[in-house]
Amino acid sequence: MQNLAIQEPLIESPAENRPRLKLVTFDQNCLIEYPVAEHLPVNRPLFLSKVYAGFPSPADDHIEQRLDPNKYLVDNEICTFFYTMEGYSMVNLGLLPGDKLTLDRSKDARINDVVLALVNGGYTVKTLGLGKKNNPRLIPANSEDEFPVIEINEFDDFQILGVVISSFRRFRQQYK
């Protein structure tokens, strides 16, 4: 399944007089379109004092700035998608099953970027590296060595779908 966000004037947004986005999904040769909800800024306080995981530290009541999670997690709204992490191959980078990954499809992947790749029909999240012959390689981040490095060669069907720019998780379940 491939998702594309397309900007076109579906409904004029009265607040900013700009067109809303719609998400176009290609799923088994079927085109599904639905509007992407615009978000309002959610500015929350970001405090100057750091929170230590060791011994308690005196709290500092000074606010450093306001933090909008949308702006912090999303660089390019039109090209950003969220995916749910599965598996344990990237645990040494702090990516755990159930984490939400922020993927930006507008960024060019560089060596050492965490990427979402399509390899021979299967999706994988790995760190992009270079092999001995300058071929791409996808490197897991798991000290247990249970996941192999994926060496890409000219016979592989390989595509980088985007760069993972952030991740987030909930510690307490949201109840309805």
C-alpha atoms as a PDB file:
ATOM      1  CA  MET A   1       0.000   0.000   0.000  1.00  0.00           C
ATOM      2  CA  GLN A   2       1.365   3.421  -0.929  1.00  0.00           C
ATOM      3  CA  ASN A   3       0.194   6.724   0.541  1.00  0.00           C
ATOM      4  CA  LEU A   4       0.574  10.098  -1.110  1.00  0.00           C
ATOM      5  CA  ALA A   5      -0.569  13.415   0.294  1.00  0.00           C
ATOM      6  CA  ILE A   6      -1.775  15.661  -2.469  1.00  0.00           C
ATOM      7  CA  GLN A   7      -2.405  19.368  -2.061  1.00  0.00           C
ATOM      8  CA  GLU A   8      -5.411  20.549  -3.971  1.00  0.00           C
ATOM      9  CA  PRO A   9      -8.270  22.907  -3.226  1.00  0.00           C
ATOM     10  CA  LEU A  10     -10.836  20.496  -1.789  1.00  0.00           C
ATOM     11  CA  ILE A  11     -12.177  22.903   0.814  1.00  0.00           C
ATOM     12  CA  GLU A  12     -10.749  26.318   1.481  1.00  0.00           C
ATOM     13  CA  SER A  13      -9.520  26.645   5.039  1.00  0.00           C
ATOM     14  CA  PRO A  14     -11.043  29.918   6.297  1.00  0.00           C
ATOM     15  CA  ALA A  15      -8.445  30.304   9.044  1.00  0.00           C
ATOM     16  CA  GLU A  16      -5.427  30.495   6.758  1.00  0.00           C
ATOM     17  CA  ASN A  17      -7.038  30.679   3.311  1.00  0.00           C
ATOM     18  CA  ARG A  18      -5.061  27.704   2.074  1.00  0.00           C
ATOM     19  CA  PRO A  19      -6.255  24.440   0.582  1.00  0.00           C
ATOM     20  CA  ARG A  20      -6.651  21.414   2.795  1.00  0.00           C
ATOM     21  CA  LEU A  21      -4.811  18.220   2.034  1.00  0.00           C
ATOM     22  CA  LYS A  22      -6.239  14.919   1.069  1.00  0.00           C
ATOM     23  CA  LEU A  23      -4.585  11.559   1.502  1.00  0.00           C
ATOM     24  CA  VAL A  24      -4.599   9.317  -1.523  1.00  0.00           C
ATOM     25  CA  THR A  25      -4.028   5.635  -0.817  1.00  0.00           C
ATOM     26  CA  PHE A  26      -3.261   3.070  -3.489  1.00  0.00           C
ATOM     27  CA  ASP A  27      -4.321  -0.319  -2.180  1.00  0.00           C
ATOM     28  CA  GLN A  28      -4.335  -3.209  -4.648  1.00  0.00           C
ATOM     29  CA  ASN A  29      -5.037  -0.966  -7.645  1.00  0.00           C
ATOM     30  CA  CYS A  30      -7.843   0.798  -5.792  1.00  0.00           C
ATOM     31  CA  LEU A  31      -7.664   4.558  -5.251  1.00  0.00           C
ATOM     32  CA  ILE A  32      -9.062   5.727  -1.917  1.00  0.00           C
ATOM     33  CA  GLU A  33      -9.212   9.439  -1.137  1.00  0.00           C
ATOM     34  CA  TYR A  34     -10.063  11.061   2.159  1.00  0.00           C
ATOM     35  CA  PRO A  35      -9.313  14.463   3.673  1.00  0.00           C
ATOM     36  CA  VAL A  36      -6.457  14.922   6.090  1.00  0.00           C
ATOM     37  CA  ALA A  37      -7.582  16.861   9.136  1.00  0.00           C
ATOM     38  CA  GLU A  38      -5.722  20.087   9.697  1.00  0.00           C
ATOM     39  CA  HIS A  39      -4.278  20.491  13.135  1.00  0.00           C
ATOM     40  CA  LEU A  40      -4.346  23.485  15.362  1.00  0.00           C
ATOM     41  CA  PRO A  41      -1.096  24.316  17.135  1.00  0.00           C
ATOM     42  CA  VAL A  42      -0.840  22.587  20.502  1.00  0.00           C
ATOM     43  CA  ASN A  43       1.673  24.724  22.356  1.00  0.00           C
ATOM     44  CA  ARG A  44       2.664  23.195  25.671  1.00  0.00           C
ATOM     45  CA  PRO A  45       5.308  24.486  28.090  1.00  0.00           C
ATOM     46  CA  LEU A  46       8.864  23.181  27.732  1.00  0.00           C
ATOM     47  CA  PHE A  47      10.699  23.778  31.007  1.00  0.00           C
ATOM     48  CA  LEU A  48      14.310  24.902  31.350  1.00  0.00           C
ATOM     49  CA  SER A  49      15.163  22.299  33.957  1.00  0.00           C
ATOM     50  CA  LYS A  50      16.123  18.881  32.666  1.00  0.00           C
ATOM     51  CA  VAL A  51      14.561  15.798  34.241  1.00  0.00           C
ATOM     52  CA  TYR A  52      17.152  13.387  35.572  1.00  0.00           C
ATOM     53  CA  ALA A  53      16.582   9.659  35.745  1.00  0.00           C
ATOM     54  CA  GLY A  54      19.034   9.299  38.654  1.00  0.00           C
ATOM     55  CA  PHE A  55      18.783  11.240  41.900  1.00  0.00           C
ATOM     56  CA  PRO A  56      16.051  13.859  42.374  1.00  0.00           C
ATOM     57  CA  SER A  57      16.971  17.387  41.322  1.00  0.00           C
ATOM     58  CA  PRO A  58      15.405  20.648  42.534  1.00  0.00           C
ATOM     59  CA  ALA A  59      12.661  21.671  40.123  1.00  0.00           C
ATOM     60  CA  ASP A  60      13.001  24.832  38.111  1.00  0.00           C
ATOM     61  CA  ASP A  61       9.751  26.680  37.456  1.00  0.00           C
ATOM     62  CA  HIS A  62      11.069  28.612  34.485  1.00  0.00           C
ATOM     63  CA  ILE A  63       9.580  27.886  31.084  1.00  0.00           C
ATOM     64  CA  GLU A  64      12.181  27.755  28.315  1.00  0.00           C
ATOM     65  CA  GLN A  65       9.703  28.061  25.458  1.00  0.00           C
ATOM     66  CA  ARG A  66       6.429  26.688  24.120  1.00  0.00           C
ATOM     67  CA  LEU A  67       6.565  23.359  22.303  1.00  0.00           C
ATOM     68  CA  ASP A  68       4.102  22.389  19.579  1.00  0.00           C
ATOM     69  CA  PRO A  69       4.415  18.581  19.159  1.00  0.00           C
ATOM     70  CA  ASN A  70       3.238  18.881  15.556  1.00  0.00           C
ATOM     71  CA  LYS A  71       6.107  21.206  14.652  1.00  0.00           C
ATOM     72  CA  TYR A  72       8.589  19.166  16.695  1.00  0.00           C
ATOM     73  CA  LEU A  73       7.692  15.852  15.050  1.00  0.00           C
ATOM     74  CA  VAL A  74       6.824  17.034  11.532  1.00  0.00           C
ATOM     75  CA  ASP A  75       9.195  18.902   9.208  1.00  0.00           C
ATOM     76  CA  ASN A  76       7.189  18.644   5.993  1.00  0.00           C
ATOM     77  CA  GLU A  77       3.474  18.125   6.601  1.00  0.00           C
ATOM     78  CA  ILE A  78       2.630  16.978   3.084  1.00  0.00           C
ATOM     79  CA  CYS A  79       5.343  14.289   3.022  1.00  0.00           C
ATOM     80  CA  THR A  80       5.116  13.040   6.607  1.00  0.00           C
ATOM     81  CA  PHE A  81       3.524   9.752   7.616  1.00  0.00           C
ATOM     82  CA  PHE A  82       3.361   7.793  10.872  1.00  0.00           C
ATOM     83  CA  TYR A  83       4.066   4.082  11.104  1.00  0.00           C
ATOM     84  CA  THR A  84       3.970   1.640  14.002  1.00  0.00           C
ATOM     85  CA  MET A  85       7.255  -0.132  14.758  1.00  0.00           C
ATOM     86  CA  GLU A  86       7.206  -3.916  14.937  1.00  0.00           C
ATOM     87  CA  GLY A  87      10.055  -6.231  15.836  1.00  0.00           C
ATOM     88  CA  TYR A  88      13.245  -5.924  17.853  1.00  0.00           C
ATOM     89  CA  SER A  89      15.946  -5.273  15.252  1.00  0.00           C
ATOM     90  CA  MET A  90      16.364  -1.593  16.240  1.00  0.00           C
ATOM     91  CA  VAL A  91      16.152  -1.742  20.050  1.00  0.00           C
ATOM     92  CA  ASN A  92      19.674  -0.346  20.563  1.00  0.00           C
ATOM     93  CA  LEU A  93      18.452   2.887  18.971  1.00  0.00           C
ATOM     94  CA  GLY A  94      15.480   2.920  21.323  1.00  0.00           C
ATOM     95  CA  LEU A  95      12.934   1.812  18.721  1.00  0.00           C
ATOM     96  CA  LEU A  96      10.611  -0.687  20.361  1.00  0.00           C
ATOM     97  CA  PRO A  97       7.547  -2.583  19.142  1.00  0.00           C
ATOM     98  CA  GLY A  98       4.536  -0.287  19.273  1.00  0.00           C
ATOM     99  CA  ASP A  99       6.548   2.944  18.931  1.00  0.00           C
ATOM    100  CA  LYS A 100       5.204   5.423  16.400  1.00  0.00           C
ATOM    101  CA  LEU A 101       7.744   6.369  13.744  1.00  0.00           C
ATOM    102  CA  THR A 102       7.633   9.739  11.983  1.00  0.00           C
ATOM    103  CA  LEU A 103       8.646   9.170   8.374  1.00  0.00           C
ATOM    104  CA  ASP A 104       9.505  12.045   6.034  1.00  0.00           C
ATOM    105  CA  ARG A 105       9.406  11.057   2.371  1.00  0.00           C
ATOM    106  CA  SER A 106      10.806  14.406   1.194  1.00  0.00           C
ATOM    107  CA  LYS A 107      14.240  13.883   2.769  1.00  0.00           C
ATOM    108  CA  ASP A 108      17.069  12.319   0.822  1.00  0.00           C
ATOM    109  CA  ALA A 109      18.468   9.397   2.777  1.00  0.00           C
ATOM    110  CA  ARG A 110      22.071   9.731   3.913  1.00  0.00           C
ATOM    111  CA  ILE A 111      24.475   7.187   5.315  1.00  0.00           C
ATOM    112  CA  ASN A 112      23.640   6.513   9.000  1.00  0.00           C
ATOM    113  CA  ASP A 113      20.020   7.688   8.617  1.00  0.00           C
ATOM    114  CA  VAL A 114      17.319   5.375   9.914  1.00  0.00           C
ATOM    115  CA  VAL A 115      15.153   4.560   6.903  1.00  0.00           C
ATOM    116  CA  LEU A 116      12.030   2.652   5.982  1.00  0.00           C
ATOM    117  CA  ALA A 117      12.963   0.492   3.002  1.00  0.00           C
ATOM    118  CA  LEU A 118      11.163  -1.896   0.718  1.00  0.00           C
ATOM    119  CA  VAL A 119      13.391  -4.895  -0.056  1.00  0.00           C
ATOM    120  CA  ASN A 120      12.109  -7.612  -2.365  1.00  0.00           C
ATOM    121  CA  GLY A 121       8.513  -6.894  -1.382  1.00  0.00           C
ATOM    122  CA  GLY A 122       9.070  -6.636   2.390  1.00  0.00           C
ATOM    123  CA  TYR A 123       9.215  -3.515   4.555  1.00  0.00           C
ATOM    124  CA  THR A 124      12.035  -2.992   7.038  1.00  0.00           C
ATOM    125  CA  VAL A 125      13.363  -0.224   9.292  1.00  0.00           C
ATOM    126  CA  LYS A 126      17.161  -0.151   9.471  1.00  0.00           C
ATOM    127  CA  THR A 127      20.156   2.196   9.459  1.00  0.00           C
ATOM    128  CA  LEU A 128      21.426   2.931   5.956  1.00  0.00           C
ATOM    129  CA  GLY A 129      25.070   2.082   5.354  1.00  0.00           C
ATOM    130  CA  LEU A 130      27.485   1.376   2.510  1.00  0.00           C
ATOM    131  CA  GLY A 131      28.983  -1.998   1.680  1.00  0.00           C
ATOM    132  CA  LYS A 132      32.514  -2.746   0.486  1.00  0.00           C
ATOM    133  CA  LYS A 133      31.544  -2.180  -3.145  1.00  0.00           C
ATOM    134  CA  ASN A 134      29.595   1.014  -2.322  1.00  0.00           C
ATOM    135  CA  ASN A 135      26.370  -0.940  -2.450  1.00  0.00           C
ATOM    136  CA  PRO A 136      23.625   0.013   0.034  1.00  0.00           C
ATOM    137  CA  ARG A 137      23.335  -2.052   3.169  1.00  0.00           C
ATOM    138  CA  LEU A 138      20.671  -2.003   5.868  1.00  0.00           C
ATOM    139  CA  ILE A 139      22.098  -2.379   9.343  1.00  0.00           C
ATOM    140  CA  PRO A 140      20.093  -3.500  12.382  1.00  0.00           C
ATOM    141  CA  ALA A 141      20.682  -2.041  15.842  1.00  0.00           C
ATOM    142  CA  ASN A 142      20.432  -5.041  18.137  1.00  0.00           C
ATOM    143  CA  SER A 143      23.373  -6.196  20.250  1.00  0.00           C
ATOM    144  CA  GLU A 144      22.056  -9.764  20.305  1.00  0.00           C
ATOM    145  CA  ASP A 145      23.244 -10.254  16.696  1.00  0.00           C
ATOM    146  CA  GLU A 146      20.042 -12.102  15.874  1.00  0.00           C
ATOM    147  CA  PHE A 147      19.307  -9.874  12.871  1.00  0.00           C
ATOM    148  CA  PRO A 148      21.644  -9.928   9.863  1.00  0.00           C
ATOM    149  CA  VAL A 149      22.880  -6.937   7.907  1.00  0.00           C
ATOM    150  CA  ILE A 150      20.979  -6.783   4.616  1.00  0.00           C
ATOM    151  CA  GLU A 151      23.427  -6.347   1.742  1.00  0.00           C
ATOM    152  CA  ILE A 152      21.647  -4.893  -1.288  1.00  0.00           C
ATOM    153  CA  ASN A 153      22.835  -6.026  -4.718  1.00  0.00           C
ATOM    154  CA  GLU A 154      21.791  -5.327  -8.300  1.00  0.00           C
ATOM    155  CA  PHE A 155      19.337  -8.260  -8.264  1.00  0.00           C
ATOM    156  CA  ASP A 156      17.336  -6.929  -5.300  1.00  0.00           C
ATOM    157  CA  ASP A 157      14.164  -4.909  -5.694  1.00  0.00           C
ATOM    158  CA  PHE A 158      15.122  -2.047  -3.335  1.00  0.00           C
ATOM    159  CA  GLN A 159      13.547   1.284  -2.563  1.00  0.00           C
ATOM    160  CA  ILE A 160      13.949   3.735   0.313  1.00  0.00           C
ATOM    161  CA  LEU A 161      10.471   4.952   1.179  1.00  0.00           C
ATOM    162  CA  GLY A 162      11.589   7.683   3.571  1.00  0.00           C
ATOM    163  CA  VAL A 163      13.769   8.791   6.453  1.00  0.00           C
ATOM    164  CA  VAL A 164      12.652   8.157  10.030  1.00  0.00           C
ATOM    165  CA  ILE A 165      13.069  11.573  11.679  1.00  0.00           C
ATOM    166  CA  SER A 166      11.567  10.826  15.096  1.00  0.00           C
ATOM    167  CA  SER A 167       9.678   8.322  17.201  1.00  0.00           C
ATOM    168  CA  PHE A 168       7.357   8.506  20.167  1.00  0.00           C
ATOM    169  CA  ARG A 169       5.468   6.201  22.520  1.00  0.00           C
ATOM    170  CA  ARG A 170       2.842   6.238  25.231  1.00  0.00           C
ATOM    171  CA  PHE A 171       3.630   4.791  28.640  1.00  0.00           C
ATOM    172  CA  ARG A 172       0.061   4.811  29.874  1.00  0.00           C
ATOM    173  CA  GLN A 173      -2.712   3.447  27.727  1.00  0.00           C
ATOM    174  CA  GLN A 174      -5.397   5.841  26.613  1.00  0.00           C
ATOM    175  CA  TYR A 175      -8.787   4.674  27.855  1.00  0.00           C
ATOM    176  CA  LYS A 176     -12.020   5.607  26.168  1.00  0.00           C
END
